[in-house]
PDB file of all heavy atoms in Angstrom:
ATOM      1  N   ILE A   1      -8.150  -6.847  -4.673  1.00  0.00           N
ATOM      2  CA  ILE A   1      -7.310  -6.567  -5.840  1.00  0.00           C
ATOM      3  C   ILE A   1      -6.562  -5.273  -5.545  1.00  0.00           C
ATOM      4  O   ILE A   1      -7.179  -4.222  -5.344  1.00  0.00           O
ATOM      5  CB  ILE A   1      -8.152  -6.418  -7.124  1.00  0.00           C
ATOM      6  CG1 ILE A   1      -8.992  -7.677  -7.363  1.00  0.00           C
ATOM      7  CG2 ILE A   1      -7.245  -6.150  -8.333  1.00  0.00           C
ATOM      8  CD1 ILE A   1      -9.971  -7.556  -8.535  1.00  0.00           C
ATOM      9  N   ASP A   2      -5.227  -5.337  -5.526  1.00  0.00           N
ATOM     10  CA  ASP A   2      -4.450  -4.194  -5.027  1.00  0.00           C
ATOM     11  C   ASP A   2      -3.027  -4.242  -5.589  1.00  0.00           C
ATOM     12  O   ASP A   2      -2.586  -5.278  -6.108  1.00  0.00           O
ATOM     13  CB  ASP A   2      -4.424  -4.235  -3.496  1.00  0.00           C
ATOM     14  CG  ASP A   2      -3.713  -3.043  -2.888  1.00  0.00           C
ATOM     15  OD1 ASP A   2      -3.861  -1.925  -3.409  1.00  0.00           O
ATOM     16  OD2 ASP A   2      -2.989  -3.232  -1.891  1.00  0.00           O
ATOM     17  N   HIS A   3      -2.321  -3.113  -5.456  1.00  0.00           N
ATOM     18  CA  HIS A   3      -0.937  -3.085  -5.933  1.00  0.00           C
ATOM     19  C   HIS A   3       0.032  -2.510  -4.902  1.00  0.00           C
ATOM     20  O   HIS A   3       1.167  -2.173  -5.248  1.00  0.00           O
ATOM     21  CB  HIS A   3      -0.844  -2.286  -7.244  1.00  0.00           C
ATOM     22  CG  HIS A   3      -1.012  -0.792  -7.077  1.00  0.00           C
ATOM     23  ND1 HIS A   3      -0.180   0.122  -7.688  1.00  0.00           N
ATOM     24  CD2 HIS A   3      -1.918  -0.057  -6.391  1.00  0.00           C
ATOM     25  CE1 HIS A   3      -0.552   1.350  -7.380  1.00  0.00           C
ATOM     26  NE2 HIS A   3      -1.613   1.265  -6.600  1.00  0.00           N
ATOM     27  N   HIS A   4      -0.384  -2.401  -3.647  1.00  0.00           N
ATOM     28  CA  HIS A   4       0.484  -1.856  -2.610  1.00  0.00           C
ATOM     29  C   HIS A   4       1.381  -2.941  -2.003  1.00  0.00           C
ATOM     30  O   HIS A   4       0.885  -3.990  -1.584  1.00  0.00           O
ATOM     31  CB  HIS A   4      -0.348  -1.207  -1.508  1.00  0.00           C
ATOM     32  CG  HIS A   4      -1.086   0.010  -1.957  1.00  0.00           C
ATOM     33  ND1 HIS A   4      -2.381  -0.038  -2.418  1.00  0.00           N
ATOM     34  CD2 HIS A   4      -0.704   1.308  -2.046  1.00  0.00           C
ATOM     35  CE1 HIS A   4      -2.771   1.192  -2.752  1.00  0.00           C
ATOM     36  NE2 HIS A   4      -1.779   2.020  -2.546  1.00  0.00           N
ATOM     37  N   GLY A   5       2.670  -2.645  -1.907  1.00  0.00           N
ATOM     38  CA  GLY A   5       3.605  -3.612  -1.362  1.00  0.00           C
ATOM     39  C   GLY A   5       3.370  -3.936   0.098  1.00  0.00           C
ATOM     40  O   GLY A   5       3.793  -4.995   0.582  1.00  0.00           O
ATOM     41  N   THR A   6       2.702  -3.032   0.839  1.00  0.00           N
ATOM     42  CA  THR A   6       2.456  -3.262   2.263  1.00  0.00           C
ATOM     43  C   THR A   6       1.183  -4.058   2.525  1.00  0.00           C
ATOM     44  O   THR A   6       0.841  -4.308   3.681  1.00  0.00           O
ATOM     45  CB  THR A   6       2.367  -1.917   3.012  1.00  0.00           C
ATOM     46  OG1 THR A   6       1.345  -1.110   2.407  1.00  0.00           O
ATOM     47  CG2 THR A   6       3.697  -1.176   2.945  1.00  0.00           C
ATOM     48  N   ASN A   7       0.468  -4.460   1.473  1.00  0.00           N
ATOM     49  CA  ASN A   7      -0.771  -5.223   1.657  1.00  0.00           C
ATOM     50  C   ASN A   7      -0.486  -6.534   2.392  1.00  0.00           C
ATOM     51  O   ASN A   7       0.395  -7.299   1.971  1.00  0.00           O
ATOM     52  CB  ASN A   7      -1.403  -5.522   0.298  1.00  0.00           C
ATOM     53  CG  ASN A   7      -2.826  -6.054   0.416  1.00  0.00           C
ATOM     54  OD1 ASN A   7      -3.063  -7.088   1.015  1.00  0.00           O
ATOM     55  ND2 ASN A   7      -3.757  -5.349  -0.189  1.00  0.00           N
ATOM     56  N   PRO A   8      -1.197  -6.815   3.499  1.00  0.00           N
ATOM     57  CA  PRO A   8      -0.919  -8.028   4.279  1.00  0.00           C
ATOM     58  C   PRO A   8      -1.426  -9.319   3.647  1.00  0.00           C
ATOM     59  O   PRO A   8      -1.141 -10.410   4.140  1.00  0.00           O
ATOM     60  CB  PRO A   8      -1.640  -7.762   5.609  1.00  0.00           C
ATOM     61  CG  PRO A   8      -2.770  -6.850   5.241  1.00  0.00           C
ATOM     62  CD  PRO A   8      -2.231  -5.980   4.134  1.00  0.00           C
ATOM     63  N   ARG A   9      -2.198  -9.227   2.573  1.00  0.00           N
ATOM     64  CA  ARG A   9      -2.695 -10.404   1.862  1.00  0.00           C
ATOM     65  C   ARG A   9      -3.426 -11.370   2.805  1.00  0.00           C
ATOM     66  O   ARG A   9      -3.073 -12.544   2.929  1.00  0.00           O
ATOM     67  CB  ARG A   9      -1.541 -11.138   1.156  1.00  0.00           C
ATOM     68  CG  ARG A   9      -0.866 -10.313   0.068  1.00  0.00           C
ATOM     69  CD  ARG A   9       0.446 -10.991  -0.384  1.00  0.00           C
ATOM     70  NE  ARG A   9       1.011 -10.363  -1.558  1.00  0.00           N
ATOM     71  CZ  ARG A   9       1.745  -9.264  -1.564  1.00  0.00           C
ATOM     72  NH1 ARG A   9       1.975  -8.635  -0.408  1.00  0.00           N
ATOM     73  NH2 ARG A   9       2.236  -8.760  -2.684  1.00  0.00           N
ATOM     74  N   CYS A  10      -4.460 -10.849   3.450  1.00  0.00           N
ATOM     75  CA  CYS A  10      -5.182 -11.655   4.440  1.00  0.00           C
ATOM     76  C   CYS A  10      -6.680 -11.716   4.155  1.00  0.00           C
ATOM     77  O   CYS A  10      -7.469 -11.988   5.059  1.00  0.00           O
ATOM     78  CB  CYS A  10      -4.931 -11.099   5.844  1.00  0.00           C
ATOM     79  SG  CYS A  10      -5.474  -9.391   6.069  1.00  0.00           S
ATOM     80  N   THR A  11      -7.102 -11.447   2.921  1.00  0.00           N
ATOM     81  CA  THR A  11      -8.524 -11.471   2.593  1.00  0.00           C
ATOM     82  C   THR A  11      -9.026 -12.911   2.541  1.00  0.00           C
ATOM     83  O   THR A  11      -8.332 -13.810   2.053  1.00  0.00           O
ATOM     84  CB  THR A  11      -8.780 -10.762   1.253  1.00  0.00           C
ATOM     85  OG1 THR A  11      -8.158  -9.476   1.293  1.00  0.00           O
ATOM     86  CG2 THR A  11     -10.265 -10.586   0.996  1.00  0.00           C
ATOM     87  N   LYS A  12     -10.235 -13.099   3.038  1.00  0.00           N
ATOM     88  CA  LYS A  12     -10.803 -14.433   3.255  1.00  0.00           C
ATOM     89  C   LYS A  12     -10.668 -15.368   2.052  1.00  0.00           C
ATOM     90  O   LYS A  12     -10.240 -16.515   2.181  1.00  0.00           O
ATOM     91  CB  LYS A  12     -12.279 -14.285   3.654  1.00  0.00           C
ATOM     92  CG  LYS A  12     -12.957 -15.596   4.020  1.00  0.00           C
ATOM     93  CD  LYS A  12     -14.466 -15.373   4.271  1.00  0.00           C
ATOM     94  CE  LYS A  12     -14.712 -14.431   5.420  1.00  0.00           C
ATOM     95  NZ  LYS A  12     -16.179 -14.328   5.721  1.00  0.00           N
ATOM     96  N   ASP A  13     -11.049 -14.903   0.881  1.00  0.00           N
ATOM     97  CA  ASP A  13     -11.082 -15.778  -0.289  1.00  0.00           C
ATOM     98  C   ASP A  13      -9.970 -15.512  -1.293  1.00  0.00           C
ATOM     99  O   ASP A  13      -9.993 -16.054  -2.393  1.00  0.00           O
ATOM    100  CB  ASP A  13     -12.439 -15.680  -0.977  1.00  0.00           C
ATOM    101  CG  ASP A  13     -13.551 -16.170  -0.063  1.00  0.00           C
ATOM    102  OD1 ASP A  13     -13.566 -17.368   0.261  1.00  0.00           O
ATOM    103  OD2 ASP A  13     -14.377 -15.333   0.363  1.00  0.00           O
ATOM    104  N   GLY A  14      -9.012 -14.666  -0.900  1.00  0.00           N
ATOM    105  CA  GLY A  14      -7.853 -14.482  -1.759  1.00  0.00           C
ATOM    106  C   GLY A  14      -7.497 -13.030  -2.008  1.00  0.00           C
ATOM    107  O   GLY A  14      -8.321 -12.121  -1.844  1.00  0.00           O
ATOM    108  N   ASP A  15      -6.246 -12.832  -2.389  1.00  0.00           N
ATOM    109  CA  ASP A  15      -5.726 -11.508  -2.700  1.00  0.00           C
ATOM    110  C   ASP A  15      -4.963 -11.571  -4.014  1.00  0.00           C
ATOM    111  O   ASP A  15      -4.121 -12.451  -4.214  1.00  0.00           O
ATOM    112  CB  ASP A  15      -4.765 -11.031  -1.604  1.00  0.00           C
ATOM    113  CG  ASP A  15      -5.423 -10.923  -0.252  1.00  0.00           C
ATOM    114  OD1 ASP A  15      -5.963  -9.860   0.059  1.00  0.00           O
ATOM    115  OD2 ASP A  15      -5.392 -11.919   0.500  1.00  0.00           O
ATOM    116  N   TRP A  16      -5.265 -10.634  -4.882  1.00  0.00           N
ATOM    117  CA  TRP A  16      -4.457 -10.456  -6.081  1.00  0.00           C
ATOM    118  C   TRP A  16      -3.697  -9.156  -5.881  1.00  0.00           C
ATOM    119  O   TRP A  16      -4.205  -8.075  -6.105  1.00  0.00           O
ATOM    120  CB  TRP A  16      -5.348 -10.396  -7.313  1.00  0.00           C
ATOM    121  CG  TRP A  16      -4.586 -10.211  -8.606  1.00  0.00           C
ATOM    122  CD1 TRP A  16      -3.241 -10.363  -8.814  1.00  0.00           C
ATOM    123  CD2 TRP A  16      -5.138  -9.815  -9.866  1.00  0.00           C
ATOM    124  NE1 TRP A  16      -2.916 -10.098 -10.124  1.00  0.00           N
ATOM    125  CE2 TRP A  16      -4.065  -9.763 -10.798  1.00  0.00           C
ATOM    126  CE3 TRP A  16      -6.429  -9.512 -10.301  1.00  0.00           C
ATOM    127  CZ2 TRP A  16      -4.252  -9.408 -12.130  1.00  0.00           C
ATOM    128  CZ3 TRP A  16      -6.622  -9.163 -11.626  1.00  0.00           C
ATOM    129  CH2 TRP A  16      -5.541  -9.114 -12.534  1.00  0.00           C
ATOM    130  N   VAL A  17      -2.483  -9.284  -5.394  1.00  0.00           N
ATOM    131  CA  VAL A  17      -1.624  -8.126  -5.135  1.00  0.00           C
ATOM    132  C   VAL A  17      -0.400  -8.258  -6.022  1.00  0.00           C
ATOM    133  O   VAL A  17       0.367  -9.213  -5.887  1.00  0.00           O
ATOM    134  CB  VAL A  17      -1.211  -8.042  -3.652  1.00  0.00           C
ATOM    135  CG1 VAL A  17      -0.334  -6.821  -3.420  1.00  0.00           C
ATOM    136  CG2 VAL A  17      -2.431  -8.000  -2.747  1.00  0.00           C
ATOM    137  N   GLU A  18      -0.239  -7.302  -6.905  1.00  0.00           N
ATOM    138  CA  GLU A  18       0.849  -7.385  -7.876  1.00  0.00           C
ATOM    139  C   GLU A  18       1.520  -6.027  -8.004  1.00  0.00           C
ATOM    140  O   GLU A  18       0.865  -4.987  -7.958  1.00  0.00           O
ATOM    141  CB  GLU A  18       0.287  -7.840  -9.227  1.00  0.00           C
ATOM    142  CG  GLU A  18       1.343  -8.241 -10.221  1.00  0.00           C
ATOM    143  CD  GLU A  18       0.737  -8.840 -11.486  1.00  0.00           C
ATOM    144  OE1 GLU A  18      -0.294  -9.549 -11.388  1.00  0.00           O
ATOM    145  OE2 GLU A  18       1.285  -8.581 -12.571  1.00  0.00           O
ATOM    146  N   HIS A  19       2.833  -6.033  -8.155  1.00  0.00           N
ATOM    147  CA  HIS A  19       3.593  -4.790  -8.254  1.00  0.00           C
ATOM    148  C   HIS A  19       3.436  -4.209  -9.654  1.00  0.00           C
ATOM    149  O   HIS A  19       4.172  -4.551 -10.575  1.00  0.00           O
ATOM    150  CB  HIS A  19       5.067  -5.045  -7.953  1.00  0.00           C
ATOM    151  CG  HIS A  19       5.905  -3.790  -7.986  1.00  0.00           C
ATOM    152  ND1 HIS A  19       5.739  -2.766  -7.092  1.00  0.00           N
ATOM    153  CD2 HIS A  19       6.894  -3.404  -8.833  1.00  0.00           C
ATOM    154  CE1 HIS A  19       6.596  -1.800  -7.371  1.00  0.00           C
ATOM    155  NE2 HIS A  19       7.308  -2.161  -8.430  1.00  0.00           N
ATOM    156  N   VAL A  20       2.449  -3.352  -9.805  1.00  0.00           N
ATOM    157  CA  VAL A  20       2.187  -2.662 -11.073  1.00  0.00           C
ATOM    158  C   VAL A  20       2.020  -1.178 -10.770  1.00  0.00           C
ATOM    159  O   VAL A  20       1.929  -0.772  -9.615  1.00  0.00           O
ATOM    160  CB  VAL A  20       0.935  -3.215 -11.777  1.00  0.00           C
ATOM    161  CG1 VAL A  20       1.154  -4.644 -12.236  1.00  0.00           C
ATOM    162  CG2 VAL A  20      -0.287  -3.130 -10.864  1.00  0.00           C
ATOM    163  N   GLY A  21       1.952  -0.376 -11.817  1.00  0.00           N
ATOM    164  CA  GLY A  21       1.846   1.055 -11.609  1.00  0.00           C
ATOM    165  C   GLY A  21       0.569   1.492 -10.924  1.00  0.00           C
ATOM    166  O   GLY A  21       0.567   2.441 -10.146  1.00  0.00           O
ATOM    167  N   ALA A  22      -0.529   0.802 -11.212  1.00  0.00           N
ATOM    168  CA  ALA A  22      -1.826   1.169 -10.644  1.00  0.00           C
ATOM    169  C   ALA A  22      -2.729  -0.049 -10.614  1.00  0.00           C
ATOM    170  O   ALA A  22      -2.597  -0.957 -11.450  1.00  0.00           O
ATOM    171  CB  ALA A  22      -2.476   2.281 -11.470  1.00  0.00           C
ATOM    172  N   THR A  23      -3.654  -0.064  -9.674  1.00  0.00           N
ATOM    173  CA  THR A  23      -4.626  -1.154  -9.616  1.00  0.00           C
ATOM    174  C   THR A  23      -5.446  -1.200 -10.900  1.00  0.00           C
ATOM    175  O   THR A  23      -5.893  -2.264 -11.326  1.00  0.00           O
ATOM    176  CB  THR A  23      -5.542  -0.987  -8.390  1.00  0.00           C
ATOM    177  OG1 THR A  23      -4.734  -1.039  -7.200  1.00  0.00           O
ATOM    178  CG2 THR A  23      -6.585  -2.090  -8.318  1.00  0.00           C
ATOM    179  N   GLY A  24      -5.625  -0.050 -11.541  1.00  0.00           N
ATOM    180  CA  GLY A  24      -6.352  -0.015 -12.804  1.00  0.00           C
ATOM    181  C   GLY A  24      -5.784  -0.939 -13.861  1.00  0.00           C
ATOM    182  O   GLY A  24      -6.509  -1.464 -14.706  1.00  0.00           O
ATOM    183  N   GLU A  25      -4.475  -1.175 -13.824  1.00  0.00           N
ATOM    184  CA  GLU A  25      -3.859  -2.105 -14.765  1.00  0.00           C
ATOM    185  C   GLU A  25      -4.376  -3.523 -14.535  1.00  0.00           C
ATOM    186  O   GLU A  25      -4.626  -4.277 -15.485  1.00  0.00           O
ATOM    187  CB  GLU A  25      -2.343  -2.078 -14.631  1.00  0.00           C
ATOM    188  CG  GLU A  25      -1.697  -0.766 -15.043  1.00  0.00           C
ATOM    189  CD  GLU A  25      -0.186  -0.803 -14.860  1.00  0.00           C
ATOM    190  OE1 GLU A  25       0.441  -1.834 -15.187  1.00  0.00           O
ATOM    191  OE2 GLU A  25       0.374   0.198 -14.366  1.00  0.00           O
ATOM    192  N   LEU A  26      -4.539  -3.887 -13.267  1.00  0.00           N
ATOM    193  CA  LEU A  26      -5.043  -5.224 -12.935  1.00  0.00           C
ATOM    194  C   LEU A  26      -6.506  -5.358 -13.343  1.00  0.00           C
ATOM    195  O   LEU A  26      -6.922  -6.409 -13.847  1.00  0.00           O
ATOM    196  CB  LEU A  26      -4.882  -5.486 -11.436  1.00  0.00           C
ATOM    197  CG  LEU A  26      -3.462  -5.367 -10.872  1.00  0.00           C
ATOM    198  CD1 LEU A  26      -3.464  -5.677  -9.376  1.00  0.00           C
ATOM    199  CD2 LEU A  26      -2.501  -6.296 -11.601  1.00  0.00           C
ATOM    200  N   ILE A  27      -7.286  -4.298 -13.138  1.00  0.00           N
ATOM    201  CA  ILE A  27      -8.699  -4.350 -13.512  1.00  0.00           C
ATOM    202  C   ILE A  27      -8.840  -4.499 -15.022  1.00  0.00           C
ATOM    203  O   ILE A  27      -9.695  -5.258 -15.510  1.00  0.00           O
ATOM    204  CB  ILE A  27      -9.443  -3.094 -13.014  1.00  0.00           C
ATOM    205  CG1 ILE A  27      -9.395  -3.008 -11.478  1.00  0.00           C
ATOM    206  CG2 ILE A  27     -10.892  -3.113 -13.496  1.00  0.00           C
ATOM    207  CD1 ILE A  27     -10.038  -4.173 -10.756  1.00  0.00           C
ATOM    208  N   LEU A  28      -8.016  -3.806 -15.786  1.00  0.00           N
ATOM    209  CA  LEU A  28      -8.056  -3.950 -17.243  1.00  0.00           C
ATOM    210  C   LEU A  28      -7.763  -5.395 -17.635  1.00  0.00           C
ATOM    211  O   LEU A  28      -8.468  -5.982 -18.473  1.00  0.00           O
ATOM    212  CB  LEU A  28      -7.035  -3.015 -17.893  1.00  0.00           C
ATOM    213  CG  LEU A  28      -6.875  -3.154 -19.423  1.00  0.00           C
ATOM    214  CD1 LEU A  28      -8.191  -2.912 -20.143  1.00  0.00           C
ATOM    215  CD2 LEU A  28      -5.792  -2.198 -19.931  1.00  0.00           C
ATOM    216  N   ARG A  29      -6.769  -5.981 -17.027  1.00  0.00           N
ATOM    217  CA  ARG A  29      -6.417  -7.381 -17.316  1.00  0.00           C
ATOM    218  C   ARG A  29      -7.564  -8.314 -16.939  1.00  0.00           C
ATOM    219  O   ARG A  29      -7.870  -9.271 -17.648  1.00  0.00           O
ATOM    220  CB  ARG A  29      -5.151  -7.751 -16.543  1.00  0.00           C
ATOM    221  CG  ARG A  29      -4.304  -8.826 -17.215  1.00  0.00           C
ATOM    222  CD  ARG A  29      -3.107  -9.191 -16.356  1.00  0.00           C
ATOM    223  NE  ARG A  29      -2.307  -8.021 -15.991  1.00  0.00           N
ATOM    224  CZ  ARG A  29      -1.352  -8.069 -15.078  1.00  0.00           C
ATOM    225  NH1 ARG A  29      -1.110  -9.190 -14.417  1.00  0.00           N
ATOM    226  NH2 ARG A  29      -0.648  -6.991 -14.808  1.00  0.00           N
ATOM    227  N   LEU A  30      -8.216  -8.016 -15.807  1.00  0.00           N
ATOM    228  CA  LEU A  30      -9.332  -8.836 -15.349  1.00  0.00           C
ATOM    229  C   LEU A  30     -10.512  -8.755 -16.321  1.00  0.00           C
ATOM    230  O   LEU A  30     -11.126  -9.784 -16.643  1.00  0.00           O
ATOM    231  CB  LEU A  30      -9.765  -8.383 -13.956  1.00  0.00           C
ATOM    232  CG  LEU A  30     -10.992  -9.048 -13.345  1.00  0.00           C
ATOM    233  CD1 LEU A  30     -10.783 -10.550 -13.198  1.00  0.00           C
ATOM    234  CD2 LEU A  30     -11.325  -8.417 -11.993  1.00  0.00           C
ATOM    235  N   LEU A  31     -10.823  -7.558 -16.779  1.00  0.00           N
ATOM    236  CA  LEU A  31     -11.944  -7.401 -17.710  1.00  0.00           C
ATOM    237  C   LEU A  31     -11.677  -8.153 -19.011  1.00  0.00           C
ATOM    238  O   LEU A  31     -12.593  -8.747 -19.592  1.00  0.00           O
ATOM    239  CB  LEU A  31     -12.200  -5.924 -17.996  1.00  0.00           C
ATOM    240  CG  LEU A  31     -12.577  -5.033 -16.796  1.00  0.00           C
ATOM    241  CD1 LEU A  31     -13.101  -3.689 -17.280  1.00  0.00           C
ATOM    242  CD2 LEU A  31     -13.585  -5.705 -15.897  1.00  0.00           C
ATOM    243  N   GLU A  32     -10.443  -8.136 -19.451  1.00  0.00           N
ATOM    244  CA  GLU A  32     -10.093  -8.899 -20.650  1.00  0.00           C
ATOM    245  C   GLU A  32     -10.247 -10.397 -20.401  1.00  0.00           C
ATOM    246  O   GLU A  32     -10.702 -11.144 -21.262  1.00  0.00           O
ATOM    247  CB  GLU A  32      -8.662  -8.568 -21.079  1.00  0.00           C
ATOM    248  CG  GLU A  32      -8.491  -7.132 -21.582  1.00  0.00           C
ATOM    249  CD  GLU A  32      -7.041  -6.771 -21.844  1.00  0.00           C
ATOM    250  OE1 GLU A  32      -6.142  -7.369 -21.227  1.00  0.00           O
ATOM    251  OE2 GLU A  32      -6.802  -5.869 -22.670  1.00  0.00           O
ATOM    252  N   GLN A  33      -9.896 -10.822 -19.179  1.00  0.00           N
ATOM    253  CA  GLN A  33      -9.981 -12.241 -18.822  1.00  0.00           C
ATOM    254  C   GLN A  33     -11.424 -12.736 -18.813  1.00  0.00           C
ATOM    255  O   GLN A  33     -11.722 -13.839 -19.278  1.00  0.00           O
ATOM    256  CB  GLN A  33      -9.348 -12.465 -17.440  1.00  0.00           C
ATOM    257  CG  GLN A  33      -9.487 -13.865 -16.874  1.00  0.00           C
ATOM    258  CD  GLN A  33      -8.353 -14.786 -17.283  1.00  0.00           C
ATOM    259  OE1 GLN A  33      -7.380 -14.355 -17.874  1.00  0.00           O
ATOM    260  NE2 GLN A  33      -8.495 -16.059 -16.968  1.00  0.00           N
ATOM    261  N   ILE A  34     -12.346 -11.912 -18.290  1.00  0.00           N
ATOM    262  CA  ILE A  34     -13.736 -12.359 -18.168  1.00  0.00           C
ATOM    263  C   ILE A  34     -14.564 -11.996 -19.400  1.00  0.00           C
ATOM    264  O   ILE A  34     -15.763 -12.269 -19.451  1.00  0.00           O
ATOM    265  CB  ILE A  34     -14.409 -11.790 -16.895  1.00  0.00           C
ATOM    266  CG1 ILE A  34     -14.476 -10.261 -16.939  1.00  0.00           C
ATOM    267  CG2 ILE A  34     -13.668 -12.262 -15.649  1.00  0.00           C
ATOM    268  CD1 ILE A  34     -15.174  -9.640 -15.726  1.00  0.00           C
ATOM    269  N   GLY A  35     -13.936 -11.364 -20.383  1.00  0.00           N
ATOM    270  CA  GLY A  35     -14.633 -11.040 -21.615  1.00  0.00           C
ATOM    271  C   GLY A  35     -15.622  -9.907 -21.502  1.00  0.00           C
ATOM    272  O   GLY A  35     -16.597  -9.839 -22.256  1.00  0.00           O
ATOM    273  N   ALA A  36     -15.377  -8.996 -20.561  1.00  0.00           N
ATOM    274  CA  ALA A  36     -16.273  -7.847 -20.380  1.00  0.00           C
ATOM    275  C   ALA A  36     -15.955  -6.775 -21.416  1.00  0.00           C
ATOM    276  O   ALA A  36     -14.794  -6.591 -21.791  1.00  0.00           O
ATOM    277  CB  ALA A  36     -16.123  -7.276 -18.977  1.00  0.00           C
ATOM    278  N   PRO A  37     -16.950  -6.038 -21.883  1.00  0.00           N
ATOM    279  CA  PRO A  37     -16.701  -5.003 -22.891  1.00  0.00           C
ATOM    280  C   PRO A  37     -15.927  -3.820 -22.311  1.00  0.00           C
ATOM    281  O   PRO A  37     -16.215  -3.366 -21.201  1.00  0.00           O
ATOM    282  CB  PRO A  37     -18.114  -4.579 -23.318  1.00  0.00           C
ATOM    283  CG  PRO A  37     -18.977  -4.915 -22.140  1.00  0.00           C
ATOM    284  CD  PRO A  37     -18.383  -6.149 -21.537  1.00  0.00           C
ATOM    285  N   ILE A  38     -14.925  -3.338 -23.040  1.00  0.00           N
ATOM    286  CA  ILE A  38     -14.184  -2.141 -22.638  1.00  0.00           C
ATOM    287  C   ILE A  38     -14.811  -0.970 -23.395  1.00  0.00           C
ATOM    288  O   ILE A  38     -14.380  -0.597 -24.488  1.00  0.00           O
ATOM    289  CB  ILE A  38     -12.680  -2.250 -22.967  1.00  0.00           C
ATOM    290  CG1 ILE A  38     -12.104  -3.561 -22.435  1.00  0.00           C
ATOM    291  CG2 ILE A  38     -11.924  -1.050 -22.372  1.00  0.00           C
ATOM    292  CD1 ILE A  38     -12.157  -3.711 -20.938  1.00  0.00           C
TER     293      ILE A  38
END
């Protein structure tokens, strides 16, 4: 899970690479998706 444009996206089981301000934004979205408490 990353937000760097230079990421080669070669992880064995997948890469979530998105152009956002910080990886923390993706983690927040993920926690909401899995129903984890914030």
